[in-house]
Amino acid sequence: MNKLRILDCTLRDGGLTNNFFFDDSFVRDLYRTNVEAGVAYMEMGYRASRDVFKESDFGKWKFCDEEVIREIVGDNPTQMKLSVMADVGRTNFERDILPKKDSVLDMIRIATYSHTIDEAIDAVEHCHNLGYETTVNIMAISNDAQQTIASVLEKLAASSVDVVYLVDSFGAFYPHQVAALSRQYAEAVLPEGKQVGIHAHNNQQLAFANTIEGMRNGVSLLDVTINGLGRGAGNCSAELLAGYLMGQGVPCKQEPLIRFIEKHMLALKEEGVVWGYDIPYLLTGQGNHHPSKAIEFIKDCRTQYTDLLRELAVQ
């Protein structure tokens, strides 16, 4: 339990609900809340390429320029570390990642699919040489064969990466599957001095349970968002996990997270930002589908759930 650490993804995964248009008061309060709650890492958003994404379509946390981060955290005179996510194919690692000595960031989290793992490892080595901690978050592994997962883990075990993430991109996994995968990841990378992280989605209301199951089987870095804020069904809720960990003797605090929900999350909902468990996300999760169809279904205010069930069943 002493090795467990929380990583807050509220800005990054939550930014997918509102195109990253968070005001500075939200971000500044989130930063202070995470520090007070004992969060180990805070993800500030994406370090996305302006060659791929049109700047006017997104808020500034889609790009996480150094000066923008420092407007919130200064030199970050806290024990909490800061990170950004960089997607293979959507980030210019050579141009957009500064040397660590010039940045307030501590970690670069690299998102990839199994078929782009070689590019991800190249990015890991580049960021490692710049002085950063690194993670590799392998997305959509529920679509990968066991042989593919084993091959990817073997490559990552031989790389410089610090943390390898089990990502339930579609919210499709059940606890027994997370347990088996967590053990597989741990057996592959822990002997090489690396750690395992988990990033769970809540399509089947299992993000919290799956995160705990990962903890029981070798996972030590735990992704959360406050109030579960995130694309579609959202993520493992920080306040849920903090309450559980406090009961296990892990030094974290739940109350700052609850205060943040009162002040900011209720306001987001009043503004019309939508996230959280709903029947369309259940159906895409159970069917191991990308949540895009469910997101579109809800956006169109449709309630013909049986039609969506039948549509997904024939895919």
C-alpha atoms as a PDB file:
ATOM      1  CA  MET A   1       0.000   0.000   0.000  1.00  0.00           C
ATOM      2  CA  ASN A   2       2.905   2.379   0.649  1.00  0.00           C
ATOM      3  CA  LYS A   3       3.819   2.177  -3.057  1.00  0.00           C
ATOM      4  CA  LEU A   4       0.378   3.204  -4.328  1.00  0.00           C
ATOM      5  CA  ARG A   5       0.136   6.615  -5.946  1.00  0.00           C
ATOM      6  CA  ILE A   6      -2.766   8.551  -7.481  1.00  0.00           C
ATOM      7  CA  LEU A   7      -2.548  10.345 -10.830  1.00  0.00           C
ATOM      8  CA  ASP A   8      -5.287  12.875 -11.546  1.00  0.00           C
ATOM      9  CA  CYS A   9      -6.481  13.052 -15.185  1.00  0.00           C
ATOM     10  CA  THR A  10      -9.356  15.468 -14.656  1.00  0.00           C
ATOM     11  CA  LEU A  11      -8.015  18.129 -17.032  1.00  0.00           C
ATOM     12  CA  ARG A  12      -6.971  15.754 -19.762  1.00  0.00           C
ATOM     13  CA  ASP A  13      -9.737  13.150 -19.845  1.00  0.00           C
ATOM     14  CA  GLY A  14     -12.252  15.715 -18.639  1.00  0.00           C
ATOM     15  CA  GLY A  15     -11.163  18.045 -21.419  1.00  0.00           C
ATOM     16  CA  LEU A  16     -12.675  15.604 -23.896  1.00  0.00           C
ATOM     17  CA  THR A  17     -16.111  16.647 -22.613  1.00  0.00           C
ATOM     18  CA  ASN A  18     -15.746  20.372 -23.357  1.00  0.00           C
ATOM     19  CA  ASN A  19     -12.837  20.619 -25.834  1.00  0.00           C
ATOM     20  CA  PHE A  20     -10.548  21.726 -22.984  1.00  0.00           C
ATOM     21  CA  PHE A  21     -12.279  25.050 -22.400  1.00  0.00           C
ATOM     22  CA  PHE A  22     -11.612  25.229 -18.653  1.00  0.00           C
ATOM     23  CA  ASP A  23     -11.146  28.644 -17.116  1.00  0.00           C
ATOM     24  CA  ASP A  24      -8.071  29.421 -15.042  1.00  0.00           C
ATOM     25  CA  SER A  25      -9.976  29.419 -11.743  1.00  0.00           C
ATOM     26  CA  PHE A  26     -11.065  25.818 -12.377  1.00  0.00           C
ATOM     27  CA  VAL A  27      -7.512  24.716 -13.178  1.00  0.00           C
ATOM     28  CA  ARG A  28      -5.931  26.639 -10.321  1.00  0.00           C
ATOM     29  CA  ASP A  29      -8.410  25.200  -7.810  1.00  0.00           C
ATOM     30  CA  LEU A  30      -7.889  21.720  -9.256  1.00  0.00           C
ATOM     31  CA  TYR A  31      -4.146  22.054  -8.789  1.00  0.00           C
ATOM     32  CA  ARG A  32      -4.539  23.187  -5.183  1.00  0.00           C
ATOM     33  CA  THR A  33      -7.114  20.480  -4.505  1.00  0.00           C
ATOM     34  CA  ASN A  34      -4.832  17.742  -5.761  1.00  0.00           C
ATOM     35  CA  VAL A  35      -1.943  19.019  -3.674  1.00  0.00           C
ATOM     36  CA  GLU A  36      -4.123  19.070  -0.559  1.00  0.00           C
ATOM     37  CA  ALA A  37      -5.583  15.637  -1.310  1.00  0.00           C
ATOM     38  CA  GLY A  38      -2.154  14.026  -1.537  1.00  0.00           C
ATOM     39  CA  VAL A  39      -2.263  13.271  -5.273  1.00  0.00           C
ATOM     40  CA  ALA A  40       1.164  12.214  -6.559  1.00  0.00           C
ATOM     41  CA  TYR A  41       0.806  13.365 -10.189  1.00  0.00           C
ATOM     42  CA  MET A  42      -1.489  15.812 -11.955  1.00  0.00           C
ATOM     43  CA  GLU A  43      -1.936  15.554 -15.697  1.00  0.00           C
ATOM     44  CA  MET A  44      -2.264  19.077 -17.110  1.00  0.00           C
ATOM     45  CA  GLY A  45      -3.761  18.002 -20.447  1.00  0.00           C
ATOM     46  CA  TYR A  46      -2.400  17.067 -23.858  1.00  0.00           C
ATOM     47  CA  ARG A  47       0.747  18.233 -25.557  1.00  0.00           C
ATOM     48  CA  ALA A  48      -0.928  18.057 -28.965  1.00  0.00           C
ATOM     49  CA  SER A  49       0.511  19.260 -32.255  1.00  0.00           C
ATOM     50  CA  ARG A  50      -0.950  22.349 -33.898  1.00  0.00           C
ATOM     51  CA  ASP A  51      -0.121  20.666 -37.203  1.00  0.00           C
ATOM     52  CA  VAL A  52      -2.857  18.140 -36.392  1.00  0.00           C
ATOM     53  CA  PHE A  53      -5.370  20.133 -34.332  1.00  0.00           C
ATOM     54  CA  LYS A  54      -6.760  23.587 -35.117  1.00  0.00           C
ATOM     55  CA  GLU A  55      -5.976  25.833 -32.177  1.00  0.00           C
ATOM     56  CA  SER A  56      -9.234  27.815 -32.397  1.00  0.00           C
ATOM     57  CA  ASP A  57     -11.261  24.618 -31.873  1.00  0.00           C
ATOM     58  CA  PHE A  58      -9.809  23.876 -28.452  1.00  0.00           C
ATOM     59  CA  GLY A  59      -8.955  25.388 -25.121  1.00  0.00           C
ATOM     60  CA  LYS A  60      -5.321  25.825 -24.131  1.00  0.00           C
ATOM     61  CA  TRP A  61      -5.115  22.574 -22.169  1.00  0.00           C
ATOM     62  CA  LYS A  62      -5.198  20.681 -25.452  1.00  0.00           C
ATOM     63  CA  PHE A  63      -1.697  22.018 -26.129  1.00  0.00           C
ATOM     64  CA  CYS A  64      -0.300  22.691 -22.644  1.00  0.00           C
ATOM     65  CA  ASP A  65       2.309  25.253 -23.620  1.00  0.00           C
ATOM     66  CA  GLU A  66       4.965  25.711 -20.963  1.00  0.00           C
ATOM     67  CA  GLU A  67       4.032  29.307 -20.201  1.00  0.00           C
ATOM     68  CA  VAL A  68       0.353  28.366 -19.839  1.00  0.00           C
ATOM     69  CA  ILE A  69       1.164  25.699 -17.245  1.00  0.00           C
ATOM     70  CA  ARG A  70       3.441  28.078 -15.333  1.00  0.00           C
ATOM     71  CA  GLU A  71       0.647  30.668 -15.167  1.00  0.00           C
ATOM     72  CA  ILE A  72      -1.125  28.182 -12.892  1.00  0.00           C
ATOM     73  CA  VAL A  73       1.669  26.424 -10.995  1.00  0.00           C
ATOM     74  CA  GLY A  74       4.633  28.802 -11.158  1.00  0.00           C
ATOM     75  CA  ASP A  75       7.672  26.632 -10.495  1.00  0.00           C
ATOM     76  CA  ASN A  76       5.423  24.086  -8.763  1.00  0.00           C
ATOM     77  CA  PRO A  77       6.847  24.398  -5.245  1.00  0.00           C
ATOM     78  CA  THR A  78       5.024  21.252  -4.097  1.00  0.00           C
ATOM     79  CA  GLN A  79       5.725  17.537  -3.845  1.00  0.00           C
ATOM     80  CA  MET A  80       3.110  16.787  -6.505  1.00  0.00           C
ATOM     81  CA  LYS A  81       4.579  16.070  -9.927  1.00  0.00           C
ATOM     82  CA  LEU A  82       3.115  17.302 -13.214  1.00  0.00           C
ATOM     83  CA  SER A  83       2.594  15.469 -16.486  1.00  0.00           C
ATOM     84  CA  VAL A  84       1.090  15.794 -19.938  1.00  0.00           C
ATOM     85  CA  MET A  85      -0.137  13.190 -22.385  1.00  0.00           C
ATOM     86  CA  ALA A  86       1.356  12.971 -25.861  1.00  0.00           C
ATOM     87  CA  ASP A  87      -0.238  10.740 -28.507  1.00  0.00           C
ATOM     88  CA  VAL A  88       1.854   8.892 -31.049  1.00  0.00           C
ATOM     89  CA  GLY A  89       1.057  10.509 -34.405  1.00  0.00           C
ATOM     90  CA  ARG A  90      -0.525  13.587 -32.792  1.00  0.00           C
ATOM     91  CA  THR A  91       2.489  15.096 -31.043  1.00  0.00           C
ATOM     92  CA  ASN A  92       5.705  16.395 -32.542  1.00  0.00           C
ATOM     93  CA  PHE A  93       8.080  15.036 -29.919  1.00  0.00           C
ATOM     94  CA  GLU A  94      11.180  16.615 -31.408  1.00  0.00           C
ATOM     95  CA  ARG A  95       9.646  20.099 -31.554  1.00  0.00           C
ATOM     96  CA  ASP A  96       7.061  20.236 -28.776  1.00  0.00           C
ATOM     97  CA  ILE A  97       8.808  18.537 -25.843  1.00  0.00           C
ATOM     98  CA  LEU A  98      11.306  20.832 -24.120  1.00  0.00           C
ATOM     99  CA  PRO A  99      14.312  19.509 -22.209  1.00  0.00           C
ATOM    100  CA  LYS A 100      13.346  18.763 -18.612  1.00  0.00           C
ATOM    101  CA  LYS A 101      15.676  21.501 -17.337  1.00  0.00           C
ATOM    102  CA  ASP A 102      13.525  24.058 -19.167  1.00  0.00           C
ATOM    103  CA  SER A 103      10.148  22.684 -18.092  1.00  0.00           C
ATOM    104  CA  VAL A 104       8.058  22.478 -14.939  1.00  0.00           C
ATOM    105  CA  LEU A 105       6.797  19.085 -16.124  1.00  0.00           C
ATOM    106  CA  ASP A 106       8.113  15.882 -14.603  1.00  0.00           C
ATOM    107  CA  MET A 107       6.515  13.155 -16.714  1.00  0.00           C
ATOM    108  CA  ILE A 108       5.488  12.602 -20.331  1.00  0.00           C
ATOM    109  CA  ARG A 109       2.714  10.030 -20.777  1.00  0.00           C
ATOM    110  CA  ILE A 110       2.803   8.505 -24.246  1.00  0.00           C
ATOM    111  CA  ALA A 111      -0.424   7.062 -25.627  1.00  0.00           C
ATOM    112  CA  THR A 112      -0.191   4.426 -28.329  1.00  0.00           C
ATOM    113  CA  TYR A 113      -1.891   1.446 -29.880  1.00  0.00           C
ATOM    114  CA  SER A 114      -0.153  -1.898 -30.057  1.00  0.00           C
ATOM    115  CA  HIS A 115       0.566  -1.494 -33.775  1.00  0.00           C
ATOM    116  CA  THR A 116       2.482   1.763 -33.139  1.00  0.00           C
ATOM    117  CA  ILE A 117       4.487   0.500 -30.171  1.00  0.00           C
ATOM    118  CA  ASP A 118       7.824   0.953 -31.963  1.00  0.00           C
ATOM    119  CA  GLU A 119       7.077   4.657 -32.516  1.00  0.00           C
ATOM    120  CA  ALA A 120       6.024   4.920 -28.861  1.00  0.00           C
ATOM    121  CA  ILE A 121       9.306   3.414 -27.699  1.00  0.00           C
ATOM    122  CA  ASP A 122      11.215   5.870 -29.883  1.00  0.00           C
ATOM    123  CA  ALA A 123       9.274   8.664 -28.152  1.00  0.00           C
ATOM    124  CA  VAL A 124      10.041   7.157 -24.744  1.00  0.00           C
ATOM    125  CA  GLU A 125      13.759   7.119 -25.457  1.00  0.00           C
ATOM    126  CA  HIS A 126      13.624  10.702 -26.723  1.00  0.00           C
ATOM    127  CA  CYS A 127      11.774  11.950 -23.625  1.00  0.00           C
ATOM    128  CA  HIS A 128      13.937   9.871 -21.317  1.00  0.00           C
ATOM    129  CA  ASN A 129      17.049  11.441 -22.822  1.00  0.00           C
ATOM    130  CA  LEU A 130      15.517  14.883 -22.220  1.00  0.00           C
ATOM    131  CA  GLY A 131      15.300  14.013 -18.516  1.00  0.00           C
ATOM    132  CA  TYR A 132      11.635  13.038 -18.024  1.00  0.00           C
ATOM    133  CA  GLU A 133       9.863  10.197 -16.334  1.00  0.00           C
ATOM    134  CA  THR A 134       7.763   8.358 -18.918  1.00  0.00           C
ATOM    135  CA  THR A 135       4.750   6.127 -19.202  1.00  0.00           C
ATOM    136  CA  VAL A 136       3.349   4.182 -22.127  1.00  0.00           C
ATOM    137  CA  ASN A 137      -0.436   3.854 -22.155  1.00  0.00           C
ATOM    138  CA  ILE A 138      -1.425   1.044 -24.521  1.00  0.00           C
ATOM    139  CA  MET A 139      -4.932   1.821 -25.710  1.00  0.00           C
ATOM    140  CA  ALA A 140      -7.709  -0.517 -26.842  1.00  0.00           C
ATOM    141  CA  ILE A 141      -5.986  -3.696 -25.662  1.00  0.00           C
ATOM    142  CA  SER A 142      -9.409  -5.326 -25.384  1.00  0.00           C
ATOM    143  CA  ASN A 143      -9.090  -5.691 -29.173  1.00  0.00           C
ATOM    144  CA  ASP A 144      -5.635  -7.288 -28.990  1.00  0.00           C
ATOM    145  CA  ALA A 145      -4.795 -10.971 -28.972  1.00  0.00           C
ATOM    146  CA  GLN A 146      -2.801 -12.333 -26.027  1.00  0.00           C
ATOM    147  CA  GLN A 147       0.188 -12.916 -28.285  1.00  0.00           C
ATOM    148  CA  THR A 148       0.130  -9.255 -29.329  1.00  0.00           C
ATOM    149  CA  ILE A 149      -0.055  -8.032 -25.729  1.00  0.00           C
ATOM    150  CA  ALA A 150       2.819 -10.307 -24.722  1.00  0.00           C
ATOM    151  CA  SER A 151       4.961  -9.030 -27.594  1.00  0.00           C
ATOM    152  CA  VAL A 152       4.266  -5.390 -26.725  1.00  0.00           C
ATOM    153  CA  LEU A 153       5.098  -5.973 -23.058  1.00  0.00           C
ATOM    154  CA  GLU A 154       8.349  -7.677 -23.993  1.00  0.00           C
ATOM    155  CA  LYS A 155       9.399  -4.655 -26.027  1.00  0.00           C
ATOM    156  CA  LEU A 156       8.438  -2.236 -23.254  1.00  0.00           C
ATOM    157  CA  ALA A 157      10.301  -4.271 -20.645  1.00  0.00           C
ATOM    158  CA  ALA A 158      13.467  -3.752 -22.687  1.00  0.00           C
ATOM    159  CA  SER A 159      12.879   0.006 -23.068  1.00  0.00           C
ATOM    160  CA  SER A 160      13.587   2.966 -20.772  1.00  0.00           C
ATOM    161  CA  VAL A 161       9.918   3.509 -19.886  1.00  0.00           C
ATOM    162  CA  ASP A 162       9.138   3.932 -16.172  1.00  0.00           C
ATOM    163  CA  VAL A 163       5.466   2.903 -16.091  1.00  0.00           C
ATOM    164  CA  VAL A 164       3.418   0.669 -18.399  1.00  0.00           C
ATOM    165  CA  TYR A 165      -0.328   1.302 -18.326  1.00  0.00           C
ATOM    166  CA  LEU A 166      -3.189  -1.132 -18.554  1.00  0.00           C
ATOM    167  CA  VAL A 167      -5.895   0.935 -20.296  1.00  0.00           C
ATOM    168  CA  ASP A 168      -9.518  -0.197 -20.526  1.00  0.00           C
ATOM    169  CA  SER A 169     -10.318   2.192 -23.374  1.00  0.00           C
ATOM    170  CA  PHE A 170     -13.853   0.959 -24.005  1.00  0.00           C
ATOM    171  CA  GLY A 171     -14.838   0.102 -20.428  1.00  0.00           C
ATOM    172  CA  ALA A 172     -15.175  -3.491 -21.600  1.00  0.00           C
ATOM    173  CA  PHE A 173     -13.213  -5.400 -18.957  1.00  0.00           C
ATOM    174  CA  TYR A 174     -14.550  -7.196 -15.906  1.00  0.00           C
ATOM    175  CA  PRO A 175     -12.562  -7.486 -12.654  1.00  0.00           C
ATOM    176  CA  HIS A 176     -11.346 -11.026 -13.313  1.00  0.00           C
ATOM    177  CA  GLN A 177      -9.953  -9.899 -16.675  1.00  0.00           C
ATOM    178  CA  VAL A 178      -8.248  -6.877 -15.097  1.00  0.00           C
ATOM    179  CA  ALA A 179      -6.745  -9.166 -12.460  1.00  0.00           C
ATOM    180  CA  ALA A 180      -5.275 -11.479 -15.092  1.00  0.00           C
ATOM    181  CA  LEU A 181      -3.972  -8.642 -17.258  1.00  0.00           C
ATOM    182  CA  SER A 182      -2.496  -6.811 -14.264  1.00  0.00           C
ATOM    183  CA  ARG A 183      -0.559  -9.942 -13.321  1.00  0.00           C
ATOM    184  CA  GLN A 184       0.600 -10.336 -16.916  1.00  0.00           C
ATOM    185  CA  TYR A 185       1.813  -6.735 -17.047  1.00  0.00           C
ATOM    186  CA  ALA A 186       3.468  -6.997 -13.629  1.00  0.00           C
ATOM    187  CA  GLU A 187       5.259 -10.235 -14.448  1.00  0.00           C
ATOM    188  CA  ALA A 188       6.561  -8.713 -17.677  1.00  0.00           C
ATOM    189  CA  VAL A 189       7.848  -5.357 -16.425  1.00  0.00           C
ATOM    190  CA  LEU A 190       8.314  -5.362 -12.638  1.00  0.00           C
ATOM    191  CA  PRO A 191      11.473  -7.507 -12.835  1.00  0.00           C
ATOM    192  CA  GLU A 192      12.956  -4.778 -15.062  1.00  0.00           C
ATOM    193  CA  GLY A 193      12.390  -2.132 -12.359  1.00  0.00           C
ATOM    194  CA  LYS A 194       9.277  -0.647 -13.968  1.00  0.00           C
ATOM    195  CA  GLN A 195       5.818  -0.052 -12.560  1.00  0.00           C
ATOM    196  CA  VAL A 196       2.310  -0.796 -13.803  1.00  0.00           C
ATOM    197  CA  GLY A 197      -0.496   1.764 -13.969  1.00  0.00           C
ATOM    198  CA  ILE A 198      -4.216   1.433 -14.652  1.00  0.00           C
ATOM    199  CA  HIS A 199      -6.610   3.747 -16.484  1.00  0.00           C
ATOM    200  CA  ALA A 200     -10.215   2.526 -16.221  1.00  0.00           C
ATOM    201  CA  HIS A 201     -13.403   3.698 -17.929  1.00  0.00           C
ATOM    202  CA  ASN A 202     -16.819   3.430 -16.333  1.00  0.00           C
ATOM    203  CA  ASN A 203     -19.064   2.122 -19.122  1.00  0.00           C
ATOM    204  CA  GLN A 204     -20.201  -0.798 -16.963  1.00  0.00           C
ATOM    205  CA  GLN A 205     -19.803   1.019 -13.636  1.00  0.00           C
ATOM    206  CA  LEU A 206     -16.669  -1.020 -12.978  1.00  0.00           C
ATOM    207  CA  ALA A 207     -13.933   1.619 -13.160  1.00  0.00           C
ATOM    208  CA  PHE A 208     -13.596   1.752  -9.364  1.00  0.00           C
ATOM    209  CA  ALA A 209     -13.777  -2.018  -8.911  1.00  0.00           C
ATOM    210  CA  ASN A 210     -11.340  -2.633 -11.752  1.00  0.00           C
ATOM    211  CA  THR A 211      -8.882  -0.130 -10.302  1.00  0.00           C
ATOM    212  CA  ILE A 212      -8.975  -1.929  -6.951  1.00  0.00           C
ATOM    213  CA  GLU A 213      -8.527  -5.268  -8.706  1.00  0.00           C
ATOM    214  CA  GLY A 214      -5.488  -3.890 -10.491  1.00  0.00           C
ATOM    215  CA  MET A 215      -4.068  -2.754  -7.141  1.00  0.00           C
ATOM    216  CA  ARG A 216      -4.448  -6.281  -5.785  1.00  0.00           C
ATOM    217  CA  ASN A 217      -2.423  -7.668  -8.679  1.00  0.00           C
ATOM    218  CA  GLY A 218       0.661  -5.490  -9.057  1.00  0.00           C
ATOM    219  CA  VAL A 219      -0.623  -2.081 -10.220  1.00  0.00           C
ATOM    220  CA  SER A 220       0.743   0.889  -8.277  1.00  0.00           C
ATOM    221  CA  LEU A 221      -0.095   4.063 -10.282  1.00  0.00           C
ATOM    222  CA  LEU A 222      -3.834   4.728 -10.252  1.00  0.00           C
ATOM    223  CA  ASP A 223      -5.559   7.096 -12.678  1.00  0.00           C
ATOM    224  CA  VAL A 224      -8.611   9.011 -11.465  1.00  0.00           C
ATOM    225  CA  THR A 225     -10.715  12.037 -12.317  1.00  0.00           C
ATOM    226  CA  ILE A 226     -12.714  14.066  -9.822  1.00  0.00           C
ATOM    227  CA  ASN A 227     -16.387  13.080  -9.940  1.00  0.00           C
ATOM    228  CA  GLY A 228     -15.404  10.703 -12.759  1.00  0.00           C
ATOM    229  CA  LEU A 229     -15.227  13.574 -15.262  1.00  0.00           C
ATOM    230  CA  GLY A 230     -14.213  12.173 -18.646  1.00  0.00           C
ATOM    231  CA  ARG A 231     -15.296  11.319 -22.130  1.00  0.00           C
ATOM    232  CA  GLY A 232     -18.478   9.297 -22.296  1.00  0.00           C
ATOM    233  CA  ALA A 233     -19.016   7.249 -19.164  1.00  0.00           C
ATOM    234  CA  GLY A 234     -15.998   8.829 -17.516  1.00  0.00           C
ATOM    235  CA  ASN A 235     -13.321   7.341 -15.299  1.00  0.00           C
ATOM    236  CA  CYS A 236     -12.580   6.004 -11.837  1.00  0.00           C
ATOM    237  CA  SER A 237     -13.739   8.732  -9.452  1.00  0.00           C
ATOM    238  CA  ALA A 238     -11.021  10.311  -7.330  1.00  0.00           C
ATOM    239  CA  GLU A 239     -13.307  10.743  -4.340  1.00  0.00           C
ATOM    240  CA  LEU A 240     -14.269   7.059  -4.421  1.00  0.00           C
ATOM    241  CA  LEU A 241     -10.687   5.853  -4.597  1.00  0.00           C
ATOM    242  CA  ALA A 242      -9.436   8.321  -1.989  1.00  0.00           C
ATOM    243  CA  GLY A 243     -12.093   7.144   0.453  1.00  0.00           C
ATOM    244  CA  TYR A 244     -11.063   3.538  -0.101  1.00  0.00           C
ATOM    245  CA  LEU A 245      -7.337   4.219   0.160  1.00  0.00           C
ATOM    246  CA  MET A 246      -7.763   6.227   3.359  1.00  0.00           C
ATOM    247  CA  GLY A 247      -9.342   3.120   4.879  1.00  0.00           C
ATOM    248  CA  GLN A 248      -6.293   1.136   3.822  1.00  0.00           C
ATOM    249  CA  GLY A 249      -3.882   3.528   5.498  1.00  0.00           C
ATOM    250  CA  VAL A 250      -2.700   5.312   2.336  1.00  0.00           C
ATOM    251  CA  PRO A 251      -1.930   9.008   3.061  1.00  0.00           C
ATOM    252  CA  CYS A 252      -4.548  10.874   1.026  1.00  0.00           C
ATOM    253  CA  LYS A 253      -7.564  13.053   1.760  1.00  0.00           C
ATOM    254  CA  GLN A 254     -11.106  12.891   0.423  1.00  0.00           C
ATOM    255  CA  GLU A 255     -12.532  16.161   1.756  1.00  0.00           C
ATOM    256  CA  PRO A 256     -10.685  18.519  -0.663  1.00  0.00           C
ATOM    257  CA  LEU A 257     -12.088  16.485  -3.556  1.00  0.00           C
ATOM    258  CA  ILE A 258     -15.645  16.775  -2.235  1.00  0.00           C
ATOM    259  CA  ARG A 259     -15.238  20.543  -1.840  1.00  0.00           C
ATOM    260  CA  PHE A 260     -14.048  20.781  -5.449  1.00  0.00           C
ATOM    261  CA  ILE A 261     -17.123  18.872  -6.628  1.00  0.00           C
ATOM    262  CA  GLU A 262     -19.381  21.287  -4.746  1.00  0.00           C
ATOM    263  CA  LYS A 263     -17.694  24.331  -6.236  1.00  0.00           C
ATOM    264  CA  HIS A 264     -16.902  23.265  -9.801  1.00  0.00           C
ATOM    265  CA  MET A 265     -18.443  19.967 -10.916  1.00  0.00           C
ATOM    266  CA  LEU A 266     -22.017  20.950 -10.093  1.00  0.00           C
ATOM    267  CA  ALA A 267     -21.452  24.139 -12.085  1.00  0.00           C
ATOM    268  CA  LEU A 268     -20.144  22.164 -15.066  1.00  0.00           C
ATOM    269  CA  LYS A 269     -23.294  20.070 -15.062  1.00  0.00           C
ATOM    270  CA  GLU A 270     -25.437  23.190 -14.897  1.00  0.00           C
ATOM    271  CA  GLU A 271     -23.554  24.492 -17.939  1.00  0.00           C
ATOM    272  CA  GLY A 272     -24.621  21.390 -19.844  1.00  0.00           C
ATOM    273  CA  VAL A 273     -21.397  19.365 -19.772  1.00  0.00           C
ATOM    274  CA  VAL A 274     -22.434  15.713 -19.923  1.00  0.00           C
ATOM    275  CA  TRP A 275     -20.544  12.676 -18.682  1.00  0.00           C
ATOM    276  CA  GLY A 276     -21.111   9.537 -16.643  1.00  0.00           C
ATOM    277  CA  TYR A 277     -22.773   6.144 -16.831  1.00  0.00           C
ATOM    278  CA  ASP A 278     -25.725   5.802 -19.172  1.00  0.00           C
ATOM    279  CA  ILE A 279     -27.338   2.943 -21.081  1.00  0.00           C
ATOM    280  CA  PRO A 280     -25.628   3.707 -24.434  1.00  0.00           C
ATOM    281  CA  TYR A 281     -22.210   3.502 -22.726  1.00  0.00           C
ATOM    282  CA  LEU A 282     -23.210   0.243 -21.085  1.00  0.00           C
ATOM    283  CA  LEU A 283     -24.021  -1.196 -24.506  1.00  0.00           C
ATOM    284  CA  THR A 284     -20.787  -0.065 -26.163  1.00  0.00           C
ATOM    285  CA  GLY A 285     -18.800  -1.305 -23.163  1.00  0.00           C
ATOM    286  CA  GLN A 286     -20.415  -4.727 -23.135  1.00  0.00           C
ATOM    287  CA  GLY A 287     -19.895  -4.994 -26.861  1.00  0.00           C
ATOM    288  CA  ASN A 288     -16.250  -3.826 -26.680  1.00  0.00           C
ATOM    289  CA  HIS A 289     -16.994  -0.909 -29.008  1.00  0.00           C
ATOM    290  CA  HIS A 290     -15.500   2.564 -29.119  1.00  0.00           C
ATOM    291  CA  PRO A 291     -17.912   4.915 -27.270  1.00  0.00           C
ATOM    292  CA  SER A 292     -18.306   7.233 -30.271  1.00  0.00           C
ATOM    293  CA  LYS A 293     -21.704   5.785 -31.220  1.00  0.00           C
ATOM    294  CA  ALA A 294     -22.957   6.197 -27.660  1.00  0.00           C
ATOM    295  CA  ILE A 295     -21.674   9.763 -27.497  1.00  0.00           C
ATOM    296  CA  GLU A 296     -23.481  10.608 -30.746  1.00  0.00           C
ATOM    297  CA  PHE A 297     -26.635   8.823 -29.551  1.00  0.00           C
ATOM    298  CA  ILE A 298     -26.757  10.858 -26.319  1.00  0.00           C
ATOM    299  CA  LYS A 299     -25.848  14.105 -28.071  1.00  0.00           C
ATOM    300  CA  ASP A 300     -28.848  13.601 -30.359  1.00  0.00           C
ATOM    301  CA  CYS A 301     -31.089  13.120 -27.272  1.00  0.00           C
ATOM    302  CA  ARG A 302     -32.136   9.681 -28.475  1.00  0.00           C
ATOM    303  CA  THR A 303     -33.675   7.129 -26.124  1.00  0.00           C
ATOM    304  CA  GLN A 304     -34.295   4.208 -28.470  1.00  0.00           C
ATOM    305  CA  TYR A 305     -31.907   1.971 -26.550  1.00  0.00           C
ATOM    306  CA  THR A 306     -33.114  -1.243 -28.154  1.00  0.00           C
ATOM    307  CA  ASP A 307     -32.330   0.155 -31.607  1.00  0.00           C
ATOM    308  CA  LEU A 308     -28.769   0.905 -30.502  1.00  0.00           C
ATOM    309  CA  LEU A 309     -28.486  -2.554 -28.940  1.00  0.00           C
ATOM    310  CA  ARG A 310     -29.478  -4.207 -32.216  1.00  0.00           C
ATOM    311  CA  GLU A 311     -27.239  -1.911 -34.257  1.00  0.00           C
ATOM    312  CA  LEU A 312     -24.204  -2.742 -32.127  1.00  0.00           C
ATOM    313  CA  ALA A 313     -25.034  -6.462 -32.135  1.00  0.00           C
ATOM    314  CA  VAL A 314     -24.587  -6.731 -35.910  1.00  0.00           C
ATOM    315  CA  GLN A 315     -21.203  -4.990 -35.976  1.00  0.00           C
END
